């Protein structure tokens, strides 16, 4: 007899996904240049809490982003798709952001692997 084969679900399209910054991370704008921002990463593991308490380490790690990274991370609210973010990047930065999609995909992959964002779908 013939067996029915199940269709494999197609992998999600990155351009249709919506990046969302995790709730325990904060964005701090730069005082001198409002286009730049820092991402504040809380130190939550037991070894980090130990180093904060006994070695006088800072409570948060501050990561300074460049103008393109700041632009993208401020739009990771779960509202805009990656395609909309890339269109906004092209409108804001023009040729400076080229090649947009490979750079944006790599940046989003890096911050997802580091646990800064996750993707939501409708």
N, C-alpha and C. Protein backbone atom coordinates (compact mmCIF):
# COMPACT_ATOMS: atom_id res chain seq x y z
N UNK A 1 0.83 -1.18 0.00
CA UNK A 1 0.00 0.00 0.00
C UNK A 1 0.88 1.24 0.00
N UNK A 2 0.29 2.27 -0.48
CA UNK A 2 1.00 3.53 -0.51
C UNK A 2 0.86 4.26 0.82
N UNK A 3 1.95 4.82 1.25
CA UNK A 3 1.90 5.59 2.49
C UNK A 3 1.88 7.07 2.15
N UNK A 4 1.14 7.77 2.91
CA UNK A 4 1.10 9.21 2.72
C UNK A 4 2.32 9.83 3.41
N UNK A 5 2.92 10.71 2.70
CA UNK A 5 4.06 11.40 3.30
C UNK A 5 3.58 12.74 3.81
N UNK A 6 4.03 13.05 4.96
CA UNK A 6 3.67 14.34 5.53
C UNK A 6 4.56 15.41 4.94
N UNK A 7 3.96 16.52 4.66
CA UNK A 7 4.75 17.65 4.17
C UNK A 7 5.54 18.23 5.32
N UNK A 8 6.78 18.48 5.04
CA UNK A 8 7.60 19.12 6.06
C UNK A 8 7.21 20.59 6.12
N UNK A 9 7.05 21.10 7.32
CA UNK A 9 6.74 22.53 7.40
C UNK A 9 7.91 23.34 6.88
N UNK A 10 7.59 24.35 6.12
CA UNK A 10 8.67 25.19 5.58
C UNK A 10 9.29 26.00 6.71
N UNK A 11 10.59 26.23 6.61
CA UNK A 11 11.23 27.02 7.67
C UNK A 11 10.68 28.45 7.66
N UNK A 12 10.64 29.07 8.81
CA UNK A 12 10.08 30.42 8.87
C UNK A 12 10.93 31.40 8.06
N UNK A 13 10.27 32.34 7.44
CA UNK A 13 10.93 33.36 6.65
C UNK A 13 11.41 34.47 7.59
N UNK A 14 12.69 34.74 7.60
CA UNK A 14 13.26 35.74 8.50
C UNK A 14 12.64 37.12 8.26
N UNK A 15 12.35 37.44 7.02
CA UNK A 15 11.82 38.76 6.70
C UNK A 15 10.43 39.00 7.27
N UNK A 16 9.70 37.92 7.58
CA UNK A 16 8.35 38.05 8.13
C UNK A 16 8.33 37.97 9.65
N UNK A 17 9.47 37.69 10.27
CA UNK A 17 9.53 37.55 11.72
C UNK A 17 9.70 38.91 12.38
N UNK A 18 9.27 39.00 13.63
CA UNK A 18 9.34 40.24 14.38
C UNK A 18 10.27 40.06 15.58
N UNK A 19 11.41 40.77 15.60
CA UNK A 19 12.33 40.62 16.73
C UNK A 19 11.81 41.37 17.97
N UNK A 20 11.99 40.77 19.12
CA UNK A 20 11.54 41.36 20.38
C UNK A 20 12.68 41.27 21.39
N UNK A 21 13.07 42.42 21.94
CA UNK A 21 14.11 42.47 22.96
C UNK A 21 13.58 41.82 24.23
N UNK A 22 14.39 41.00 24.85
CA UNK A 22 13.97 40.31 26.08
C UNK A 22 13.67 41.33 27.18
N UNK A 23 12.75 40.98 28.05
CA UNK A 23 12.22 41.94 29.01
C UNK A 23 13.24 42.41 30.05
N UNK A 24 14.25 41.60 30.37
CA UNK A 24 15.18 42.01 31.42
C UNK A 24 16.32 42.86 30.89
N UNK A 25 16.38 43.12 29.58
CA UNK A 25 17.38 44.02 29.02
C UNK A 25 16.80 45.41 28.88
N UNK A 26 17.65 46.41 29.05
CA UNK A 26 17.21 47.80 28.96
C UNK A 26 18.04 48.53 27.91
N UNK A 27 17.43 49.55 27.32
CA UNK A 27 18.13 50.40 26.37
C UNK A 27 18.31 51.77 27.01
N UNK A 28 19.55 52.26 26.96
CA UNK A 28 19.87 53.57 27.52
C UNK A 28 20.41 54.44 26.38
N UNK A 29 19.77 55.59 26.17
CA UNK A 29 20.23 56.49 25.10
C UNK A 29 21.44 57.27 25.56
N UNK A 30 22.30 57.59 24.61
CA UNK A 30 23.49 58.37 24.85
C UNK A 30 23.09 59.84 25.04
N UNK A 31 23.68 60.52 26.03
CA UNK A 31 23.32 61.91 26.29
C UNK A 31 23.80 62.84 25.17
N UNK A 32 25.00 62.61 24.65
CA UNK A 32 25.56 63.49 23.63
C UNK A 32 24.89 63.27 22.28
N UNK A 33 24.67 62.02 21.91
CA UNK A 33 24.11 61.69 20.60
C UNK A 33 22.91 60.78 20.82
N UNK A 34 21.71 61.28 20.57
CA UNK A 34 20.49 60.52 20.82
C UNK A 34 20.31 59.35 19.84
N UNK A 35 21.11 59.34 18.74
CA UNK A 35 21.01 58.24 17.78
C UNK A 35 21.74 57.00 18.27
N UNK A 36 22.66 57.15 19.21
CA UNK A 36 23.40 56.02 19.76
C UNK A 36 22.77 55.56 21.06
N UNK A 37 22.92 54.28 21.36
CA UNK A 37 22.38 53.78 22.61
C UNK A 37 23.28 52.68 23.17
N UNK A 38 23.03 52.37 24.44
CA UNK A 38 23.71 51.28 25.13
C UNK A 38 22.65 50.26 25.52
N UNK A 39 23.03 49.00 25.47
CA UNK A 39 22.15 47.95 25.97
C UNK A 39 22.70 47.54 27.33
N UNK A 40 21.84 47.57 28.34
CA UNK A 40 22.23 47.21 29.70
C UNK A 40 21.87 45.76 29.95
N UNK A 41 22.89 44.96 30.20
CA UNK A 41 22.71 43.53 30.41
C UNK A 41 22.88 43.22 31.88
N UNK A 42 21.83 42.73 32.53
CA UNK A 42 21.97 42.39 33.96
C UNK A 42 22.85 41.18 34.15
N UNK A 43 23.56 41.17 35.24
CA UNK A 43 24.45 40.04 35.57
C UNK A 43 23.69 39.16 36.56
N UNK A 44 23.26 37.99 36.12
CA UNK A 44 22.32 37.21 36.91
C UNK A 44 22.84 35.86 37.38
N UNK A 45 23.93 35.35 36.84
CA UNK A 45 24.38 34.03 37.27
C UNK A 45 25.00 34.12 38.67
N UNK A 46 25.16 33.00 39.30
CA UNK A 46 25.67 33.00 40.68
C UNK A 46 27.10 33.53 40.74
N UNK A 47 27.92 33.22 39.74
CA UNK A 47 29.31 33.70 39.76
C UNK A 47 29.36 35.21 39.54
N UNK A 48 28.45 35.71 38.72
CA UNK A 48 28.40 37.16 38.52
C UNK A 48 27.91 37.87 39.78
N UNK A 49 26.90 37.30 40.43
CA UNK A 49 26.43 37.91 41.68
C UNK A 49 27.54 37.88 42.74
N UNK A 50 28.31 36.81 42.75
CA UNK A 50 29.45 36.71 43.67
C UNK A 50 30.47 37.81 43.37
N UNK A 51 30.79 38.00 42.08
CA UNK A 51 31.77 39.03 41.71
C UNK A 51 31.25 40.43 41.99
N UNK A 52 29.96 40.63 41.88
CA UNK A 52 29.37 41.94 42.20
C UNK A 52 29.51 42.22 43.69
N UNK A 53 29.21 41.22 44.47
CA UNK A 53 29.21 41.40 45.94
C UNK A 53 30.60 41.52 46.52
N UNK A 54 31.51 40.63 46.12
CA UNK A 54 32.80 40.58 46.78
C UNK A 54 33.95 41.24 46.02
N UNK A 55 33.79 41.42 44.72
CA UNK A 55 34.86 42.02 43.92
C UNK A 55 34.50 43.39 43.38
N UNK A 56 33.39 43.93 43.87
CA UNK A 56 32.93 45.26 43.49
C UNK A 56 32.81 45.44 41.97
N UNK A 57 32.23 44.45 41.31
CA UNK A 57 31.97 44.53 39.89
C UNK A 57 30.65 45.28 39.66
N UNK A 58 30.45 45.85 38.47
CA UNK A 58 29.19 46.57 38.21
C UNK A 58 28.00 45.63 38.12
N UNK A 59 26.81 46.15 38.44
CA UNK A 59 25.59 45.36 38.40
C UNK A 59 25.17 45.00 36.98
N UNK A 60 25.47 45.89 36.05
CA UNK A 60 25.06 45.69 34.66
C UNK A 60 26.28 45.80 33.74
N UNK A 61 26.24 45.06 32.67
CA UNK A 61 27.23 45.21 31.61
C UNK A 61 26.63 46.18 30.60
N UNK A 62 27.38 47.21 30.22
CA UNK A 62 26.90 48.19 29.27
C UNK A 62 27.59 47.95 27.93
N UNK A 63 26.78 47.69 26.90
CA UNK A 63 27.30 47.44 25.56
C UNK A 63 26.94 48.63 24.69
N UNK A 64 27.96 49.37 24.24
CA UNK A 64 27.76 50.53 23.38
C UNK A 64 27.61 50.06 21.94
N UNK A 65 26.52 50.46 21.28
CA UNK A 65 26.27 50.09 19.89
C UNK A 65 26.57 51.25 18.96
N UNK A 66 26.92 50.94 17.72
CA UNK A 66 27.12 51.99 16.72
C UNK A 66 25.76 52.47 16.23
N UNK A 67 25.76 53.37 15.26
CA UNK A 67 24.51 53.98 14.81
C UNK A 67 23.57 52.95 14.17
N UNK A 68 24.11 52.04 13.38
CA UNK A 68 23.25 51.03 12.75
C UNK A 68 22.68 50.05 13.78
N UNK A 69 23.53 49.58 14.69
CA UNK A 69 23.06 48.67 15.74
C UNK A 69 22.04 49.32 16.65
N UNK A 70 22.26 50.60 16.97
CA UNK A 70 21.32 51.33 17.80
C UNK A 70 19.97 51.47 17.10
N UNK A 71 20.02 51.76 15.81
CA UNK A 71 18.80 51.91 15.02
C UNK A 71 17.99 50.62 15.03
N UNK A 72 18.68 49.50 14.84
CA UNK A 72 17.99 48.20 14.78
C UNK A 72 17.47 47.80 16.15
N UNK A 73 18.29 47.91 17.19
CA UNK A 73 17.89 47.41 18.51
C UNK A 73 16.71 48.21 19.08
N UNK A 74 16.60 49.49 18.70
CA UNK A 74 15.46 50.29 19.17
C UNK A 74 14.16 49.87 18.49
N UNK A 75 14.26 49.16 17.38
CA UNK A 75 13.06 48.70 16.67
C UNK A 75 12.72 47.25 16.98
N UNK A 76 13.43 46.64 17.90
CA UNK A 76 13.14 45.25 18.30
C UNK A 76 12.10 45.25 19.40
N UNK A 77 10.87 45.62 19.04
CA UNK A 77 9.78 45.71 20.00
C UNK A 77 8.68 44.69 19.73
N UNK A 78 8.89 43.82 18.75
CA UNK A 78 7.88 42.84 18.41
C UNK A 78 6.76 43.39 17.55
N UNK A 79 6.95 44.60 17.01
CA UNK A 79 5.93 45.23 16.18
C UNK A 79 6.32 45.21 14.71
N UNK A 80 7.56 45.59 14.42
CA UNK A 80 8.02 45.67 13.04
C UNK A 80 8.66 44.36 12.61
N UNK A 81 8.41 43.97 11.36
CA UNK A 81 9.07 42.79 10.81
C UNK A 81 10.49 43.16 10.41
N UNK A 82 11.28 42.14 10.14
CA UNK A 82 12.67 42.37 9.71
C UNK A 82 12.68 43.10 8.38
N UNK A 83 11.72 42.82 7.51
CA UNK A 83 11.63 43.52 6.22
C UNK A 83 11.38 45.01 6.44
N UNK A 84 10.49 45.36 7.36
CA UNK A 84 10.21 46.77 7.65
C UNK A 84 11.43 47.45 8.25
N UNK A 85 12.16 46.75 9.09
CA UNK A 85 13.38 47.32 9.68
C UNK A 85 14.42 47.56 8.60
N UNK A 86 14.55 46.62 7.65
CA UNK A 86 15.53 46.81 6.57
C UNK A 86 15.13 47.97 5.67
N UNK A 87 13.83 48.15 5.43
CA UNK A 87 13.38 49.29 4.64
C UNK A 87 13.68 50.60 5.36
N UNK A 88 13.46 50.63 6.67
CA UNK A 88 13.76 51.82 7.46
C UNK A 88 15.26 52.12 7.46
N UNK A 89 16.08 51.06 7.54
CA UNK A 89 17.53 51.24 7.47
C UNK A 89 17.95 51.87 6.15
N UNK A 90 17.36 51.40 5.06
CA UNK A 90 17.69 51.94 3.75
C UNK A 90 17.27 53.40 3.65
N UNK A 91 16.10 53.73 4.18
CA UNK A 91 15.64 55.13 4.15
C UNK A 91 16.49 56.03 5.02
N UNK A 92 16.92 55.55 6.18
CA UNK A 92 17.68 56.37 7.12
C UNK A 92 19.15 56.51 6.73
N UNK A 93 19.79 55.40 6.35
CA UNK A 93 21.23 55.41 6.15
C UNK A 93 21.66 55.31 4.69
N UNK A 94 20.80 54.86 3.81
CA UNK A 94 21.12 54.77 2.40
C UNK A 94 22.29 53.84 2.11
N UNK A 95 23.25 54.33 1.35
CA UNK A 95 24.39 53.51 0.93
C UNK A 95 25.30 53.09 2.08
N UNK A 96 25.27 53.82 3.17
CA UNK A 96 26.12 53.49 4.33
C UNK A 96 25.75 52.12 4.91
N UNK A 97 24.50 51.72 4.77
CA UNK A 97 24.03 50.46 5.35
C UNK A 97 24.16 49.28 4.38
N UNK A 98 24.58 49.51 3.16
CA UNK A 98 24.67 48.43 2.17
C UNK A 98 25.78 47.46 2.53
N UNK A 99 25.65 46.19 2.28
CA UNK A 99 24.47 45.41 1.90
C UNK A 99 23.56 45.19 3.11
N UNK A 100 22.34 45.64 3.01
CA UNK A 100 21.45 45.71 4.17
C UNK A 100 21.05 44.33 4.69
N UNK A 101 20.46 43.51 3.87
CA UNK A 101 19.91 42.25 4.37
C UNK A 101 20.95 41.30 4.95
N UNK A 102 22.11 41.09 4.32
CA UNK A 102 23.10 40.20 4.97
C UNK A 102 23.61 40.76 6.30
N UNK A 103 23.83 42.07 6.36
CA UNK A 103 24.31 42.67 7.61
C UNK A 103 23.25 42.58 8.70
N UNK A 104 22.00 42.88 8.33
CA UNK A 104 20.91 42.84 9.31
C UNK A 104 20.67 41.41 9.80
N UNK A 105 20.68 40.45 8.89
CA UNK A 105 20.47 39.06 9.27
C UNK A 105 21.59 38.58 10.20
N UNK A 106 22.83 38.94 9.90
CA UNK A 106 23.96 38.54 10.75
C UNK A 106 23.86 39.19 12.13
N UNK A 107 23.52 40.48 12.17
CA UNK A 107 23.39 41.17 13.45
C UNK A 107 22.27 40.55 14.29
N UNK A 108 21.12 40.30 13.68
CA UNK A 108 20.00 39.70 14.42
C UNK A 108 20.34 38.29 14.88
N UNK A 109 21.07 37.55 14.07
CA UNK A 109 21.49 36.20 14.47
C UNK A 109 22.43 36.27 15.67
N UNK A 110 23.36 37.22 15.65
CA UNK A 110 24.31 37.35 16.76
C UNK A 110 23.60 37.71 18.06
N UNK A 111 22.68 38.67 18.01
CA UNK A 111 22.03 39.06 19.26
C UNK A 111 21.00 38.03 19.70
N UNK A 112 20.49 37.22 18.78
CA UNK A 112 19.60 36.14 19.19
C UNK A 112 20.40 35.02 19.87
N UNK A 113 21.56 34.69 19.32
CA UNK A 113 22.40 33.65 19.92
C UNK A 113 22.86 34.07 21.32
N UNK A 114 23.11 35.35 21.51
CA UNK A 114 23.52 35.85 22.83
C UNK A 114 22.34 36.04 23.78
N UNK A 115 21.13 35.77 23.32
CA UNK A 115 19.97 35.81 24.20
C UNK A 115 19.38 37.20 24.40
N UNK A 116 19.69 38.14 23.53
CA UNK A 116 19.16 39.49 23.70
C UNK A 116 17.75 39.58 23.16
N UNK A 117 17.46 38.88 22.08
CA UNK A 117 16.13 38.95 21.46
C UNK A 117 15.59 37.55 21.24
N UNK A 118 14.31 37.50 20.95
CA UNK A 118 13.68 36.31 20.39
C UNK A 118 12.70 36.78 19.34
N UNK A 119 12.29 35.88 18.48
CA UNK A 119 11.41 36.27 17.38
C UNK A 119 9.99 35.84 17.70
N UNK A 120 9.05 36.72 17.39
CA UNK A 120 7.63 36.41 17.55
C UNK A 120 6.99 36.38 16.17
N UNK A 121 5.98 35.57 16.03
CA UNK A 121 5.24 35.50 14.79
C UNK A 121 3.78 35.78 15.08
N UNK A 122 3.06 36.22 14.05
CA UNK A 122 1.63 36.52 14.22
C UNK A 122 0.84 35.26 14.45
